[in-house]
């Protein structure tokens, strides 16, 4: 049953959007309807730029403090999705997109989603480790990763040995 919901939704959404276009076009005229569709695309692009930059700044601030940026990352994804919904022609998707640009609505969506998501964040040589036994709390910055090599895996000389395909492994 669950596998039928997505195809049904993908079929119903364009039909609902067409019905909405017909209704709005009948009420306000075709010129105004087309202008509203173009305006929603421009608003989506502007809101993506303004709110997207704010989310990027918050992500940078939280990672700088050594805190897991999972919440801000999900908010960023929701903002991109909201802008995508506004840029797509249609009034129903515009309403949903505008709702996702409102921070309390995004926070409510985050509350519903966070128990179903697993967020793993790594950066360069250090990352965030999740666990209650980690010193400093459940999300702390870890040190560089340790690579344990056996003596046969590593050599101090600079001689280049060909790989199994006959090519130089380093070049």
C-alpha atoms as a PDB file:
ATOM      1  CA  UNK A   1       0.000   0.000   0.000  1.00  0.00           C
ATOM      2  CA  UNK A   2       2.795   2.395   0.905  1.00  0.00           C
ATOM      3  CA  UNK A   3       4.511   1.867  -2.458  1.00  0.00           C
ATOM      4  CA  UNK A   4       1.370   3.105  -4.260  1.00  0.00           C
ATOM      5  CA  UNK A   5       1.281   6.456  -2.447  1.00  0.00           C
ATOM      6  CA  UNK A   6       4.219   8.046  -4.273  1.00  0.00           C
ATOM      7  CA  UNK A   7       3.011   7.245  -7.833  1.00  0.00           C
ATOM      8  CA  UNK A   8      -0.501   8.364  -6.924  1.00  0.00           C
ATOM      9  CA  UNK A   9       0.870  11.603  -5.488  1.00  0.00           C
ATOM     10  CA  UNK A  10       3.010  12.197  -8.586  1.00  0.00           C
ATOM     11  CA  UNK A  11      -0.075  11.714 -10.749  1.00  0.00           C
ATOM     12  CA  UNK A  12      -2.429  13.770  -8.570  1.00  0.00           C
ATOM     13  CA  UNK A  13      -0.144  16.788  -8.079  1.00  0.00           C
ATOM     14  CA  UNK A  14      -0.017  17.913 -11.742  1.00  0.00           C
ATOM     15  CA  UNK A  15      -3.763  17.358 -12.081  1.00  0.00           C
ATOM     16  CA  UNK A  16      -4.410  19.453  -8.966  1.00  0.00           C
ATOM     17  CA  UNK A  17      -2.039  22.165 -10.248  1.00  0.00           C
ATOM     18  CA  UNK A  18      -3.859  22.278 -13.610  1.00  0.00           C
ATOM     19  CA  UNK A  19      -7.205  22.563 -11.843  1.00  0.00           C
ATOM     20  CA  UNK A  20      -5.803  25.381  -9.714  1.00  0.00           C
ATOM     21  CA  UNK A  21      -4.492  27.187 -12.820  1.00  0.00           C
ATOM     22  CA  UNK A  22      -7.923  26.947 -14.429  1.00  0.00           C
ATOM     23  CA  UNK A  23      -9.654  28.230 -11.288  1.00  0.00           C
ATOM     24  CA  UNK A  24      -7.221  31.121 -10.736  1.00  0.00           C
ATOM     25  CA  UNK A  25      -7.208  31.982 -14.447  1.00  0.00           C
ATOM     26  CA  UNK A  26     -10.995  32.148 -14.466  1.00  0.00           C
ATOM     27  CA  UNK A  27     -11.028  34.409 -11.386  1.00  0.00           C
ATOM     28  CA  UNK A  28      -8.231  36.893 -12.163  1.00  0.00           C
ATOM     29  CA  UNK A  29      -7.530  36.410 -15.867  1.00  0.00           C
ATOM     30  CA  UNK A  30      -4.794  34.645 -17.793  1.00  0.00           C
ATOM     31  CA  UNK A  31      -2.355  37.572 -17.808  1.00  0.00           C
ATOM     32  CA  UNK A  32      -2.458  37.974 -14.041  1.00  0.00           C
ATOM     33  CA  UNK A  33      -2.178  34.222 -13.571  1.00  0.00           C
ATOM     34  CA  UNK A  34       0.982  34.059 -15.700  1.00  0.00           C
ATOM     35  CA  UNK A  35       2.401  37.085 -13.884  1.00  0.00           C
ATOM     36  CA  UNK A  36       1.780  35.394 -10.514  1.00  0.00           C
ATOM     37  CA  UNK A  37       3.567  32.243 -11.698  1.00  0.00           C
ATOM     38  CA  UNK A  38       6.603  34.272 -12.874  1.00  0.00           C
ATOM     39  CA  UNK A  39       6.591  36.317  -9.678  1.00  0.00           C
ATOM     40  CA  UNK A  40       6.616  33.181  -7.521  1.00  0.00           C
ATOM     41  CA  UNK A  41       9.724  31.937  -9.337  1.00  0.00           C
ATOM     42  CA  UNK A  42      11.542  35.232  -8.740  1.00  0.00           C
ATOM     43  CA  UNK A  43      10.465  35.275  -5.077  1.00  0.00           C
ATOM     44  CA  UNK A  44      11.756  31.703  -4.702  1.00  0.00           C
ATOM     45  CA  UNK A  45      15.168  32.635  -6.084  1.00  0.00           C
ATOM     46  CA  UNK A  46      15.425  35.738  -3.861  1.00  0.00           C
ATOM     47  CA  UNK A  47      14.333  33.872  -0.728  1.00  0.00           C
ATOM     48  CA  UNK A  48      16.812  31.079  -1.484  1.00  0.00           C
ATOM     49  CA  UNK A  49      19.622  33.611  -1.655  1.00  0.00           C
ATOM     50  CA  UNK A  50      18.645  35.528   1.487  1.00  0.00           C
ATOM     51  CA  UNK A  51      17.704  32.626   3.769  1.00  0.00           C
ATOM     52  CA  UNK A  52      20.262  30.259   2.252  1.00  0.00           C
ATOM     53  CA  UNK A  53      23.119  32.597   3.150  1.00  0.00           C
ATOM     54  CA  UNK A  54      21.753  32.877   6.693  1.00  0.00           C
ATOM     55  CA  UNK A  55      21.712  29.089   7.041  1.00  0.00           C
ATOM     56  CA  UNK A  56      25.261  28.818   5.688  1.00  0.00           C
ATOM     57  CA  UNK A  57      26.390  31.379   8.290  1.00  0.00           C
ATOM     58  CA  UNK A  58      24.678  29.410  11.088  1.00  0.00           C
ATOM     59  CA  UNK A  59      26.278  26.167   9.880  1.00  0.00           C
ATOM     60  CA  UNK A  60      29.702  27.826   9.944  1.00  0.00           C
ATOM     61  CA  UNK A  61      29.069  29.219  13.436  1.00  0.00           C
ATOM     62  CA  UNK A  62      27.903  25.902  14.897  1.00  0.00           C
ATOM     63  CA  UNK A  63      30.795  23.932  13.432  1.00  0.00           C
ATOM     64  CA  UNK A  64      33.187  26.619  14.700  1.00  0.00           C
ATOM     65  CA  UNK A  65      31.824  26.071  18.225  1.00  0.00           C
ATOM     66  CA  UNK A  66      32.306  22.314  17.853  1.00  0.00           C
ATOM     67  CA  UNK A  67      28.570  21.574  17.874  1.00  0.00           C
ATOM     68  CA  UNK A  68      26.869  19.132  15.499  1.00  0.00           C
ATOM     69  CA  UNK A  69      25.350  21.184  12.633  1.00  0.00           C
ATOM     70  CA  UNK A  70      22.702  18.568  11.755  1.00  0.00           C
ATOM     71  CA  UNK A  71      19.736  20.820  12.514  1.00  0.00           C
ATOM     72  CA  UNK A  72      21.082  23.667  10.378  1.00  0.00           C
ATOM     73  CA  UNK A  73      21.917  21.275   7.542  1.00  0.00           C
ATOM     74  CA  UNK A  74      18.356  19.951   7.488  1.00  0.00           C
ATOM     75  CA  UNK A  75      17.022  23.525   7.574  1.00  0.00           C
ATOM     76  CA  UNK A  76      19.267  24.297   4.589  1.00  0.00           C
ATOM     77  CA  UNK A  77      17.895  21.323   2.674  1.00  0.00           C
ATOM     78  CA  UNK A  78      14.350  22.437   3.472  1.00  0.00           C
ATOM     79  CA  UNK A  79      15.120  25.952   2.183  1.00  0.00           C
ATOM     80  CA  UNK A  80      16.510  24.574  -1.083  1.00  0.00           C
ATOM     81  CA  UNK A  81      13.439  22.335  -1.423  1.00  0.00           C
ATOM     82  CA  UNK A  82      11.151  25.309  -0.687  1.00  0.00           C
ATOM     83  CA  UNK A  83      12.876  27.411  -3.372  1.00  0.00           C
ATOM     84  CA  UNK A  84      12.542  24.515  -5.817  1.00  0.00           C
ATOM     85  CA  UNK A  85       8.818  24.330  -5.050  1.00  0.00           C
ATOM     86  CA  UNK A  86       8.442  28.074  -5.662  1.00  0.00           C
ATOM     87  CA  UNK A  87      10.353  27.975  -8.933  1.00  0.00           C
ATOM     88  CA  UNK A  88       8.209  25.111 -10.278  1.00  0.00           C
ATOM     89  CA  UNK A  89       5.088  26.600 -11.903  1.00  0.00           C
ATOM     90  CA  UNK A  90       2.027  25.942  -9.779  1.00  0.00           C
ATOM     91  CA  UNK A  91       0.068  27.493  -6.966  1.00  0.00           C
ATOM     92  CA  UNK A  92      -0.170  24.473  -4.673  1.00  0.00           C
ATOM     93  CA  UNK A  93       3.595  23.938  -4.734  1.00  0.00           C
ATOM     94  CA  UNK A  94       4.026  27.684  -4.145  1.00  0.00           C
ATOM     95  CA  UNK A  95       1.953  27.516  -0.970  1.00  0.00           C
ATOM     96  CA  UNK A  96       3.984  24.578   0.329  1.00  0.00           C
ATOM     97  CA  UNK A  97       7.232  26.329  -0.654  1.00  0.00           C
ATOM     98  CA  UNK A  98       6.260  29.545   1.115  1.00  0.00           C
ATOM     99  CA  UNK A  99       5.331  27.585   4.233  1.00  0.00           C
ATOM    100  CA  UNK A 100       8.769  25.937   4.272  1.00  0.00           C
ATOM    101  CA  UNK A 101      10.436  29.352   4.214  1.00  0.00           C
ATOM    102  CA  UNK A 102       8.810  30.209   7.574  1.00  0.00           C
ATOM    103  CA  UNK A 103      11.280  29.237  10.367  1.00  0.00           C
ATOM    104  CA  UNK A 104       8.627  27.894  12.831  1.00  0.00           C
ATOM    105  CA  UNK A 105       7.259  25.605  10.096  1.00  0.00           C
ATOM    106  CA  UNK A 106      10.790  24.351   9.347  1.00  0.00           C
ATOM    107  CA  UNK A 107      11.343  23.789  13.074  1.00  0.00           C
ATOM    108  CA  UNK A 108       8.126  21.756  13.289  1.00  0.00           C
ATOM    109  CA  UNK A 109       9.234  19.698  10.274  1.00  0.00           C
ATOM    110  CA  UNK A 110      12.649  19.204  11.924  1.00  0.00           C
ATOM    111  CA  UNK A 111      10.938  17.980  15.095  1.00  0.00           C
ATOM    112  CA  UNK A 112       9.006  15.407  13.069  1.00  0.00           C
ATOM    113  CA  UNK A 113      12.046  14.347  11.011  1.00  0.00           C
ATOM    114  CA  UNK A 114      14.878  14.232  13.541  1.00  0.00           C
ATOM    115  CA  UNK A 115      13.860  10.903  15.076  1.00  0.00           C
ATOM    116  CA  UNK A 116      13.873   9.319  11.607  1.00  0.00           C
ATOM    117  CA  UNK A 117      17.200  10.735  10.391  1.00  0.00           C
ATOM    118  CA  UNK A 118      20.763   9.691  11.025  1.00  0.00           C
ATOM    119  CA  UNK A 119      23.203  12.514  10.353  1.00  0.00           C
ATOM    120  CA  UNK A 120      26.896  11.733  10.077  1.00  0.00           C
ATOM    121  CA  UNK A 121      29.170  14.734   9.770  1.00  0.00           C
ATOM    122  CA  UNK A 122      32.880  14.624   9.010  1.00  0.00           C
ATOM    123  CA  UNK A 123      35.264  17.429   8.135  1.00  0.00           C
ATOM    124  CA  UNK A 124      38.788  16.966   6.814  1.00  0.00           C
ATOM    125  CA  UNK A 125      40.886  15.203   9.426  1.00  0.00           C
ATOM    126  CA  UNK A 126      38.461  15.775  12.266  1.00  0.00           C
ATOM    127  CA  UNK A 127      34.802  15.027  12.668  1.00  0.00           C
ATOM    128  CA  UNK A 128      31.944  14.909  15.099  1.00  0.00           C
ATOM    129  CA  UNK A 129      31.469  11.786  17.142  1.00  0.00           C
ATOM    130  CA  UNK A 130      28.032  10.852  18.378  1.00  0.00           C
ATOM    131  CA  UNK A 131      27.746   9.113  21.707  1.00  0.00           C
ATOM    132  CA  UNK A 132      26.910   9.781  25.331  1.00  0.00           C
ATOM    133  CA  UNK A 133      30.299   8.527  26.560  1.00  0.00           C
ATOM    134  CA  UNK A 134      32.185  11.113  24.497  1.00  0.00           C
ATOM    135  CA  UNK A 135      33.862  13.704  26.747  1.00  0.00           C
ATOM    136  CA  UNK A 136      32.198  17.099  26.482  1.00  0.00           C
ATOM    137  CA  UNK A 137      28.756  15.824  25.571  1.00  0.00           C
ATOM    138  CA  UNK A 138      27.080  13.816  22.863  1.00  0.00           C
ATOM    139  CA  UNK A 139      28.588  15.837  19.987  1.00  0.00           C
ATOM    140  CA  UNK A 140      32.247  16.729  20.296  1.00  0.00           C
ATOM    141  CA  UNK A 141      34.961  17.362  17.804  1.00  0.00           C
ATOM    142  CA  UNK A 142      37.193  14.354  17.342  1.00  0.00           C
ATOM    143  CA  UNK A 143      40.882  14.392  16.569  1.00  0.00           C
ATOM    144  CA  UNK A 144      42.568  13.258  13.376  1.00  0.00           C
ATOM    145  CA  UNK A 145      41.866   9.734  12.238  1.00  0.00           C
ATOM    146  CA  UNK A 146      44.520   7.154  13.020  1.00  0.00           C
ATOM    147  CA  UNK A 147      45.616   4.824  10.237  1.00  0.00           C
ATOM    148  CA  UNK A 148      47.227   1.675  11.598  1.00  0.00           C
ATOM    149  CA  UNK A 149      49.645   0.056   9.126  1.00  0.00           C
ATOM    150  CA  UNK A 150      51.589  -3.176   9.420  1.00  0.00           C
ATOM    151  CA  UNK A 151      55.282  -3.239   8.541  1.00  0.00           C
ATOM    152  CA  UNK A 152      54.511  -4.824   5.190  1.00  0.00           C
ATOM    153  CA  UNK A 153      52.084  -2.013   4.298  1.00  0.00           C
ATOM    154  CA  UNK A 154      54.598   0.811   4.659  1.00  0.00           C
ATOM    155  CA  UNK A 155      58.161   1.456   3.551  1.00  0.00           C
ATOM    156  CA  UNK A 156      60.540   4.331   4.299  1.00  0.00           C
ATOM    157  CA  UNK A 157      62.325   4.237   0.951  1.00  0.00           C
ATOM    158  CA  UNK A 158      61.327   6.384  -2.009  1.00  0.00           C
ATOM    159  CA  UNK A 159      61.440   3.563  -4.524  1.00  0.00           C
ATOM    160  CA  UNK A 160      58.354   3.464  -6.662  1.00  0.00           C
ATOM    161  CA  UNK A 161      56.993   0.002  -7.185  1.00  0.00           C
ATOM    162  CA  UNK A 162      54.590  -0.773 -10.022  1.00  0.00           C
ATOM    163  CA  UNK A 163      51.113  -1.906  -9.129  1.00  0.00           C
ATOM    164  CA  UNK A 164      49.440  -5.100 -10.333  1.00  0.00           C
ATOM    165  CA  UNK A 165      48.597  -3.461 -13.668  1.00  0.00           C
ATOM    166  CA  UNK A 166      52.261  -2.559 -14.293  1.00  0.00           C
ATOM    167  CA  UNK A 167      51.678   1.174 -13.820  1.00  0.00           C
ATOM    168  CA  UNK A 168      53.398   3.321 -11.217  1.00  0.00           C
ATOM    169  CA  UNK A 169      51.107   3.577  -8.163  1.00  0.00           C
ATOM    170  CA  UNK A 170      52.209   7.098  -7.226  1.00  0.00           C
ATOM    171  CA  UNK A 171      52.243   8.673 -10.657  1.00  0.00           C
END
